[in-house]
């Protein structure tokens, strides 16, 4: 009994000592997560520091912030402080005044309307003051979704020729080439295609292209895209892009680098589009025009029937300082084959071209700008679907839509493996 009692007393003392020791240690344990970076490897700390420095560079101090229903923060930035003016050739400057002369058009097929409330953030009934531009704020989470900080905001490097070895990028496009082009215009049907892998995207856009399709390729691009990696969701978003070296080191999406100069305080590049088209229901499209100002040589972007968004300065480019040699309209997806077979990521509406209006996605009122700054219907239009069992395209022309295309598809299906 004495032995048992002695053991119990000793055990109690040991347990008490252990408990007191734990209590003494607890503040240390629970204080460490307050500085959670102390647990991170040095390499991770350096990465986060680089990301935060980059965010400080592209997220300029706002005069006002608008909360979008989809969770985006739209910052109203003084227009002369936007990222474009970090460029050495633009430092200290202000956005240019709109060009006096715009492309001349026979309005036979021009039925575009400027809808300024086509983005979700505008549903807040707030706006950015005059002298500012709306910029979607980039977060640390946005950057961490990218494969690297170096590639954040840029397209995956890929061969540009539209063939089956295009590095996972698949297209259904209409294009014209063989002439000198000074711009393009189209109304683009907006949908919400399903993107099944976080590192894939689905977009519909127009490309204005010049160069040899080698490392000297120049493009300016605009349209809508669904990109979970770039935006963190499945909304279709209005976007722009440019490159002067085939997507290698120059250019970026939207305003994520110095380049595109925004002049408009009503449209946020990179913001979600609403309303969107529905299958066998109401259709919604957005009008986009890109053209080269004959006087100063800059490439301007217009939304709808006359709302100027901004411009790409001519000095950014080599070949596009003169003119474009090709214009493309259509869709593109990325197929990572992450499950070992073709992706089910949709292009356009997710339905094939033959299904037609209300079911398939379309471009209408396709035109190009000629040397005389006139908008002309397309001639010698070529069609290319590099994986037609997955995504296809067809073209037509009528008195209401002028030149048009239907395009898209569901991706993986019985004929697309």
Protein backbone atom coordinates (compact mmCIF):
# COMPACT_ATOMS: atom_id res chain seq x y z
CA UNK A 1 0.00 0.00 0.00
CA UNK A 2 2.85 2.36 0.94
CA UNK A 3 4.54 1.54 -2.33
CA UNK A 4 1.34 2.22 -4.24
CA UNK A 5 0.71 5.49 -2.39
CA UNK A 6 4.27 6.63 -3.01
CA UNK A 7 3.92 5.85 -6.73
CA UNK A 8 0.67 7.81 -6.98
CA UNK A 9 2.21 10.83 -5.28
CA UNK A 10 5.22 10.70 -7.58
CA UNK A 11 2.98 10.34 -10.62
CA UNK A 12 0.88 13.32 -9.60
CA UNK A 13 4.01 15.41 -9.12
CA UNK A 14 5.30 14.40 -12.58
CA UNK A 15 1.97 15.14 -14.22
CA UNK A 16 1.72 18.51 -12.46
CA UNK A 17 5.25 19.39 -13.53
CA UNK A 18 4.49 18.41 -17.10
CA UNK A 19 1.25 20.43 -17.09
CA UNK A 20 2.99 23.53 -15.69
CA UNK A 21 5.74 23.09 -18.28
CA UNK A 22 3.13 22.94 -21.06
CA UNK A 23 1.43 26.07 -19.73
CA UNK A 24 4.74 27.89 -19.64
CA UNK A 25 5.48 26.76 -23.19
CA UNK A 26 2.06 27.52 -24.65
CA UNK A 27 2.55 31.30 -25.06
CA UNK A 28 5.67 30.59 -27.09
CA UNK A 29 3.91 28.05 -29.30
CA UNK A 30 0.85 30.18 -29.90
CA UNK A 31 2.74 33.42 -30.37
CA UNK A 32 4.76 32.05 -33.28
CA UNK A 33 1.92 31.86 -35.82
CA UNK A 34 1.37 35.59 -35.35
CA UNK A 35 4.56 35.86 -37.37
CA UNK A 36 3.79 32.86 -39.50
CA UNK A 37 6.64 33.61 -41.89
CA UNK A 38 9.02 32.33 -39.20
CA UNK A 39 7.91 28.83 -40.19
CA UNK A 40 8.50 29.42 -43.91
CA UNK A 41 11.76 28.47 -45.62
CA UNK A 42 14.01 31.33 -46.63
CA UNK A 43 13.28 30.67 -50.31
CA UNK A 44 9.55 31.04 -49.68
CA UNK A 45 10.16 34.30 -47.82
CA UNK A 46 12.14 35.68 -50.73
CA UNK A 47 9.38 34.66 -53.14
CA UNK A 48 6.73 36.43 -51.05
CA UNK A 49 8.90 39.51 -50.83
CA UNK A 50 9.25 39.59 -54.62
CA UNK A 51 5.49 39.15 -55.04
CA UNK A 52 4.70 41.96 -52.60
CA UNK A 53 7.20 44.26 -54.29
CA UNK A 54 5.56 43.47 -57.63
CA UNK A 55 2.08 44.15 -56.22
CA UNK A 56 3.27 47.47 -54.83
CA UNK A 57 4.44 48.33 -58.32
CA UNK A 58 1.24 47.48 -60.21
CA UNK A 59 -1.37 48.36 -57.56
CA UNK A 60 -1.24 52.13 -57.50
CA UNK A 61 -2.69 54.15 -54.58
CA UNK A 62 -6.40 54.69 -55.34
CA UNK A 63 -8.49 57.79 -54.75
CA UNK A 64 -11.52 55.50 -54.40
CA UNK A 65 -12.20 51.75 -54.20
CA UNK A 66 -15.39 50.10 -55.46
CA UNK A 67 -16.47 46.67 -54.20
CA UNK A 68 -17.80 44.50 -57.05
CA UNK A 69 -20.53 41.89 -56.35
CA UNK A 70 -18.14 39.15 -57.52
CA UNK A 71 -15.56 40.06 -54.88
CA UNK A 72 -13.26 42.14 -57.07
CA UNK A 73 -11.89 45.41 -55.78
CA UNK A 74 -11.92 48.11 -58.45
CA UNK A 75 -9.46 50.89 -57.66
CA UNK A 76 -9.91 54.34 -59.17
CA UNK A 77 -6.36 55.41 -60.05
CA UNK A 78 -5.33 58.86 -61.33
CA UNK A 79 -4.91 58.25 -65.05
CA UNK A 80 -1.32 59.58 -65.12
CA UNK A 81 -0.34 57.12 -62.36
CA UNK A 82 -1.50 53.96 -64.17
CA UNK A 83 1.09 51.20 -64.80
CA UNK A 84 1.69 52.32 -68.42
CA UNK A 85 3.51 55.39 -67.17
CA UNK A 86 6.14 53.28 -65.43
CA UNK A 87 7.54 52.72 -68.93
CA UNK A 88 10.74 54.76 -69.47
CA UNK A 89 9.32 56.27 -72.67
CA UNK A 90 6.11 57.39 -70.92
CA UNK A 91 7.34 58.53 -67.52
CA UNK A 92 5.95 61.92 -66.54
CA UNK A 93 3.43 61.97 -69.39
CA UNK A 94 -0.37 62.02 -69.45
CA UNK A 95 -2.77 59.96 -71.62
CA UNK A 96 -3.21 61.32 -75.13
CA UNK A 97 -6.38 62.99 -76.29
CA UNK A 98 -8.62 60.78 -78.47
CA UNK A 99 -7.79 60.85 -82.19
CA UNK A 100 -9.97 63.23 -84.16
CA UNK A 101 -10.45 60.80 -87.02
CA UNK A 102 -11.91 57.33 -86.56
CA UNK A 103 -12.36 54.65 -89.23
CA UNK A 104 -15.07 55.51 -91.74
CA UNK A 105 -17.85 52.95 -92.03
CA UNK A 106 -20.75 52.17 -94.27
CA UNK A 107 -23.26 51.65 -91.45
CA UNK A 108 -25.27 49.06 -93.38
CA UNK A 109 -24.37 46.36 -90.86
CA UNK A 110 -23.50 48.58 -87.91
CA UNK A 111 -26.12 47.93 -85.24
CA UNK A 112 -23.87 48.01 -82.20
CA UNK A 113 -25.01 49.77 -79.07
CA UNK A 114 -22.69 51.01 -76.37
CA UNK A 115 -23.73 49.29 -73.15
CA UNK A 116 -21.72 50.84 -70.35
CA UNK A 117 -23.17 48.64 -67.62
CA UNK A 118 -21.89 45.40 -69.13
CA UNK A 119 -19.58 44.69 -66.17
CA UNK A 120 -20.53 43.38 -62.72
CA UNK A 121 -18.76 46.13 -60.80
CA UNK A 122 -21.03 48.74 -62.41
CA UNK A 123 -24.03 47.16 -60.69
CA UNK A 124 -22.87 48.87 -57.50
CA UNK A 125 -24.06 52.14 -59.08
CA UNK A 126 -20.70 53.66 -58.22
CA UNK A 127 -18.23 55.07 -60.69
CA UNK A 128 -14.68 56.35 -60.88
CA UNK A 129 -14.24 60.14 -60.87
CA UNK A 130 -13.15 62.03 -63.97
CA UNK A 131 -9.38 61.99 -64.30
CA UNK A 132 -9.12 58.44 -62.95
CA UNK A 133 -9.35 54.99 -64.49
CA UNK A 134 -10.82 51.80 -62.93
CA UNK A 135 -8.26 49.02 -62.38
CA UNK A 136 -9.03 45.59 -60.96
CA UNK A 137 -6.79 45.20 -57.92
CA UNK A 138 -4.33 42.31 -58.15
CA UNK A 139 -3.93 40.26 -54.97
CA UNK A 140 -1.21 38.04 -53.59
CA UNK A 141 -3.52 35.08 -54.19
CA UNK A 142 -3.79 36.04 -57.89
CA UNK A 143 -0.02 35.93 -58.27
CA UNK A 144 0.40 32.69 -56.30
CA UNK A 145 -1.93 30.90 -58.75
CA UNK A 146 0.54 31.56 -61.57
CA UNK A 147 3.31 29.09 -62.40
CA UNK A 148 5.83 31.82 -61.52
CA UNK A 149 6.02 35.54 -60.87
CA UNK A 150 7.89 35.92 -64.16
CA UNK A 151 4.99 34.38 -66.10
CA UNK A 152 2.20 36.07 -64.12
CA UNK A 153 -0.09 38.06 -66.41
CA UNK A 154 1.38 36.55 -69.56
CA UNK A 155 0.18 33.93 -71.99
CA UNK A 156 1.92 30.59 -72.03
CA UNK A 157 4.68 30.60 -74.63
CA UNK A 158 3.54 28.63 -77.62
CA UNK A 159 4.09 28.25 -81.34
CA UNK A 160 1.67 30.62 -83.06
CA UNK A 161 1.06 28.63 -86.21
CA UNK A 162 -2.38 27.08 -86.04
CA UNK A 163 -1.52 23.38 -86.18
CA UNK A 164 -1.83 20.26 -84.08
CA UNK A 165 1.56 20.78 -82.45
CA UNK A 166 0.55 24.11 -80.91
CA UNK A 167 1.63 23.29 -77.38
CA UNK A 168 -1.81 22.49 -76.01
CA UNK A 169 -3.48 25.57 -77.54
CA UNK A 170 -6.38 24.77 -79.85
CA UNK A 171 -8.25 27.20 -82.10
CA UNK A 172 -11.30 27.70 -84.23
CA UNK A 173 -10.61 30.91 -86.12
CA UNK A 174 -11.40 32.91 -89.22
CA UNK A 175 -8.57 34.99 -90.66
CA UNK A 176 -7.51 37.21 -93.53
CA UNK A 177 -3.96 37.77 -94.69
CA UNK A 178 -2.02 38.79 -97.78
CA UNK A 179 -2.70 42.52 -97.46
CA UNK A 180 -1.88 45.49 -95.24
CA UNK A 181 -4.36 45.91 -92.39
CA UNK A 182 -4.76 48.90 -90.09
CA UNK A 183 -7.34 47.49 -87.72
CA UNK A 184 -10.34 45.22 -87.25
CA UNK A 185 -13.85 45.25 -85.83
CA UNK A 186 -16.39 42.65 -84.69
CA UNK A 187 -19.24 42.06 -82.28
CA UNK A 188 -18.40 39.08 -80.07
CA UNK A 189 -21.05 36.85 -78.49
CA UNK A 190 -20.36 36.41 -74.73
CA UNK A 191 -20.86 33.09 -72.92
CA UNK A 192 -19.64 31.35 -69.76
CA UNK A 193 -17.78 28.27 -71.06
CA UNK A 194 -16.79 25.66 -68.50
CA UNK A 195 -13.03 25.47 -67.94
CA UNK A 196 -12.25 22.11 -66.34
CA UNK A 197 -8.63 22.61 -65.27
CA UNK A 198 -7.25 25.58 -63.29
CA UNK A 199 -4.37 25.96 -65.75
CA UNK A 200 -6.56 26.04 -68.84
CA UNK A 201 -8.52 28.94 -70.30
CA UNK A 202 -11.18 29.60 -72.92
CA UNK A 203 -11.25 32.86 -74.83
CA UNK A 204 -12.92 34.57 -77.76
CA UNK A 205 -11.10 37.51 -79.28
CA UNK A 206 -9.77 39.31 -82.29
CA UNK A 207 -6.05 39.34 -83.07
CA UNK A 208 -4.24 42.05 -85.06
CA UNK A 209 -0.96 40.42 -86.09
CA UNK A 210 2.31 41.28 -87.82
CA UNK A 211 5.68 39.58 -88.12
CA UNK A 212 7.06 36.30 -89.38
CA UNK A 213 5.42 33.98 -86.80
CA UNK A 214 8.86 33.56 -85.27
CA UNK A 215 10.26 35.37 -82.25
CA UNK A 216 9.48 38.72 -83.86
CA UNK A 217 5.70 38.23 -83.78
CA UNK A 218 3.72 41.39 -82.85
CA UNK A 219 0.08 41.22 -81.76
CA UNK A 220 -2.59 43.33 -80.14
CA UNK A 221 -5.62 41.40 -78.93
CA UNK A 222 -8.97 42.05 -77.22
CA UNK A 223 -12.06 40.04 -76.33
CA UNK A 224 -13.37 38.01 -73.41
CA UNK A 225 -11.89 35.06 -71.55
CA UNK A 226 -12.52 32.61 -68.72
CA UNK A 227 -9.23 31.98 -66.90
CA UNK A 228 -9.31 30.46 -63.41
CA UNK A 229 -5.54 30.86 -63.10
CA UNK A 230 -5.55 34.57 -63.88
CA UNK A 231 -8.75 35.62 -62.10
CA UNK A 232 -9.58 32.82 -59.67
CA UNK A 233 -13.11 32.15 -60.95
CA UNK A 234 -15.20 31.06 -63.93
CA UNK A 235 -16.60 34.44 -65.03
CA UNK A 236 -16.05 35.67 -68.59
CA UNK A 237 -13.95 38.82 -68.37
CA UNK A 238 -13.14 41.60 -70.81
CA UNK A 239 -9.42 41.53 -71.56
CA UNK A 240 -6.61 42.89 -73.71
CA UNK A 241 -3.19 41.54 -74.58
CA UNK A 242 -0.09 42.57 -76.51
CA UNK A 243 3.34 41.18 -77.34
CA UNK A 244 6.22 42.15 -79.59
CA UNK A 245 8.29 38.96 -79.31
CA UNK A 246 5.83 36.06 -79.67
CA UNK A 247 4.72 36.05 -76.01
CA UNK A 248 8.24 35.47 -74.68
CA UNK A 249 9.28 38.43 -72.51
CA UNK A 250 7.19 41.40 -73.67
CA UNK A 251 3.55 42.24 -73.11
CA UNK A 252 0.87 41.11 -70.74
CA UNK A 253 -2.83 40.86 -70.07
CA UNK A 254 -4.78 44.02 -69.30
CA UNK A 255 -2.83 46.57 -67.22
CA UNK A 256 -0.52 44.08 -65.51
CA UNK A 257 2.58 45.70 -67.01
CA UNK A 258 3.54 49.02 -68.55
CA UNK A 259 2.19 49.16 -72.09
CA UNK A 260 -1.49 49.77 -72.77
CA UNK A 261 -2.61 53.29 -71.83
CA UNK A 262 -6.21 53.48 -70.60
CA UNK A 263 -8.12 56.71 -71.16
CA UNK A 264 -11.64 55.68 -70.08
CA UNK A 265 -13.06 55.85 -66.53
CA UNK A 266 -16.11 53.62 -67.17
CA UNK A 267 -14.68 50.22 -68.16
CA UNK A 268 -12.35 48.07 -66.04
CA UNK A 269 -10.17 45.84 -68.16
CA UNK A 270 -10.14 42.38 -66.57
CA UNK A 271 -13.52 42.82 -64.84
CA UNK A 272 -16.33 40.29 -65.12
CA UNK A 273 -18.94 40.68 -67.86
CA UNK A 274 -22.67 40.65 -67.13
CA UNK A 275 -25.16 39.88 -68.66
CA UNK A 276 -24.09 36.82 -70.63
CA UNK A 277 -25.72 34.68 -73.30
CA UNK A 278 -27.84 31.65 -72.42
CA UNK A 279 -28.60 28.52 -74.45
CA UNK A 280 -31.87 28.90 -76.42
CA UNK A 281 -32.42 32.24 -74.66
CA UNK A 282 -31.32 35.85 -74.89
CA UNK A 283 -27.99 36.52 -76.60
CA UNK A 284 -25.51 39.20 -75.57
CA UNK A 285 -22.49 40.46 -77.48
CA UNK A 286 -19.90 43.20 -77.16
CA UNK A 287 -18.54 45.34 -79.98
CA UNK A 288 -14.76 45.73 -80.21
CA UNK A 289 -12.66 47.70 -82.68
CA UNK A 290 -8.88 48.06 -82.84
CA UNK A 291 -7.34 50.49 -85.29
CA UNK A 292 -4.17 52.42 -86.01
CA UNK A 293 -4.43 56.19 -85.71
CA UNK A 294 -3.13 57.50 -89.07
CA UNK A 295 -1.69 60.64 -87.47
CA UNK A 296 0.33 59.30 -84.52
CA UNK A 297 0.49 55.57 -85.29
CA UNK A 298 -0.86 54.31 -81.96
CA UNK A 299 -3.26 51.34 -81.88
CA UNK A 300 -6.56 52.39 -80.28
CA UNK A 301 -9.19 50.17 -78.69
CA UNK A 302 -12.89 51.05 -78.89
CA UNK A 303 -15.84 49.40 -77.17
CA UNK A 304 -19.33 49.37 -78.69
CA UNK A 305 -20.31 52.14 -81.05
CA UNK A 306 -17.83 54.75 -79.89
CA UNK A 307 -16.47 54.38 -76.36
CA UNK A 308 -12.68 54.66 -76.50
CA UNK A 309 -10.88 52.56 -73.89
CA UNK A 310 -7.27 53.48 -74.62
CA UNK A 311 -4.29 52.72 -76.84
CA UNK A 312 -1.10 50.73 -77.30
CA UNK A 313 1.74 53.22 -78.03
CA UNK A 314 3.39 52.52 -81.37
CA UNK A 315 6.89 52.44 -79.87
CA UNK A 316 6.03 49.14 -78.11
CA UNK A 317 6.20 47.34 -81.46
CA UNK A 318 8.48 46.63 -84.38
CA UNK A 319 6.30 45.37 -87.28
CA UNK A 320 3.07 46.92 -85.96
CA UNK A 321 4.65 50.35 -86.12
CA UNK A 322 3.76 50.06 -89.81
CA UNK A 323 0.71 47.84 -90.26
CA UNK A 324 -0.68 44.36 -89.62
CA UNK A 325 -0.29 41.48 -92.04
CA UNK A 326 -3.06 39.27 -90.60
CA UNK A 327 -6.32 39.66 -88.69
CA UNK A 328 -7.98 36.77 -86.85
CA UNK A 329 -11.39 36.29 -85.22
CA UNK A 330 -12.43 33.32 -83.12
CA UNK A 331 -11.80 31.11 -80.12
CA UNK A 332 -8.87 29.53 -78.35
CA UNK A 333 -8.56 27.07 -75.46
CA UNK A 334 -5.71 25.39 -73.62
CA UNK A 335 -5.76 21.59 -73.45
CA UNK A 336 -3.39 20.40 -70.69
CA UNK A 337 -4.53 16.75 -70.92
CA UNK A 338 -4.08 16.70 -67.15
CA UNK A 339 -6.17 13.52 -66.88
CA UNK A 340 -4.42 11.80 -69.76
CA UNK A 341 -7.07 12.61 -72.35
CA UNK A 342 -8.52 15.65 -74.14
CA UNK A 343 -9.94 18.35 -71.90
CA UNK A 344 -13.67 18.99 -71.52
CA UNK A 345 -13.00 22.72 -71.42
CA UNK A 346 -15.58 24.38 -73.66
CA UNK A 347 -15.00 26.94 -76.38
CA UNK A 348 -17.61 29.64 -76.94
CA UNK A 349 -20.98 28.29 -75.84
CA UNK A 350 -19.70 24.72 -75.63
CA UNK A 351 -21.74 23.81 -78.74
CA UNK A 352 -20.66 23.17 -82.32
CA UNK A 353 -21.07 25.76 -85.07
CA UNK A 354 -23.85 23.87 -86.88
CA UNK A 355 -26.28 24.50 -84.01
CA UNK A 356 -26.52 28.14 -85.05
CA UNK A 357 -28.07 31.15 -83.34
CA UNK A 358 -28.98 30.87 -79.67
CA UNK A 359 -26.92 27.71 -79.28
CA UNK A 360 -23.51 28.21 -80.89
CA UNK A 361 -21.29 31.21 -80.20
CA UNK A 362 -20.80 33.79 -82.95
CA UNK A 363 -18.87 36.82 -84.20
CA UNK A 364 -20.84 39.22 -86.42
CA UNK A 365 -20.08 42.36 -88.43
CA UNK A 366 -16.50 41.27 -89.14
CA UNK A 367 -14.53 44.07 -90.80
CA UNK A 368 -10.99 45.26 -91.34
CA UNK A 369 -9.53 48.78 -91.57
CA UNK A 370 -7.67 49.60 -94.80
CA UNK A 371 -4.90 52.08 -95.65
CA UNK A 372 -7.50 54.84 -96.11
CA UNK A 373 -8.85 54.38 -92.55
CA UNK A 374 -12.06 52.82 -93.88
CA UNK A 375 -13.85 49.80 -92.43
CA UNK A 376 -14.42 47.18 -95.11
CA UNK A 377 -16.15 43.77 -95.25
CA UNK A 378 -13.82 40.78 -95.38
CA UNK A 379 -12.64 39.26 -98.62
CA UNK A 380 -10.75 36.01 -99.03
CA UNK A 381 -11.74 34.78 -95.57
CA UNK A 382 -10.04 31.57 -94.41
CA UNK A 383 -11.35 29.19 -91.74
CA UNK A 384 -9.25 26.95 -89.53
CA UNK A 385 -10.24 24.54 -86.77
CA UNK A 386 -7.13 22.60 -85.80
CA UNK A 387 -9.18 20.02 -83.81
CA UNK A 388 -12.56 20.01 -85.62
CA UNK A 389 -13.94 17.03 -83.67
CA UNK A 390 -13.50 19.08 -80.50
CA UNK A 391 -14.18 22.64 -81.73
CA UNK A 392 -15.27 23.74 -85.19
CA UNK A 393 -16.17 26.84 -87.21
CA UNK A 394 -18.34 27.92 -90.16
CA UNK A 395 -18.82 31.28 -91.88
CA UNK A 396 -21.62 33.14 -93.62
CA UNK A 397 -22.83 36.53 -94.77
CA UNK A 398 -26.24 38.22 -94.76
CA UNK A 399 -27.83 41.67 -94.88
CA UNK A 400 -28.17 41.98 -91.10
CA UNK A 401 -24.86 40.65 -89.76
CA UNK A 402 -22.58 41.18 -92.74
CA UNK A 403 -19.68 38.69 -92.46
CA UNK A 404 -20.16 36.35 -89.51
CA UNK A 405 -18.89 33.10 -88.03
CA UNK A 406 -20.27 30.46 -85.70
CA UNK A 407 -17.62 28.51 -83.80
CA UNK A 408 -16.86 26.50 -80.65
CA UNK A 409 -17.54 23.11 -79.14
CA UNK A 410 -17.58 20.96 -76.02
CA UNK A 411 -14.05 19.59 -76.09
CA UNK A 412 -13.91 15.92 -75.07
CA UNK A 413 -16.68 13.83 -76.63
CA UNK A 414 -17.07 10.57 -78.54
CA UNK A 415 -15.07 11.92 -81.50
CA UNK A 416 -12.64 14.05 -79.47
CA UNK A 417 -10.38 11.97 -77.28
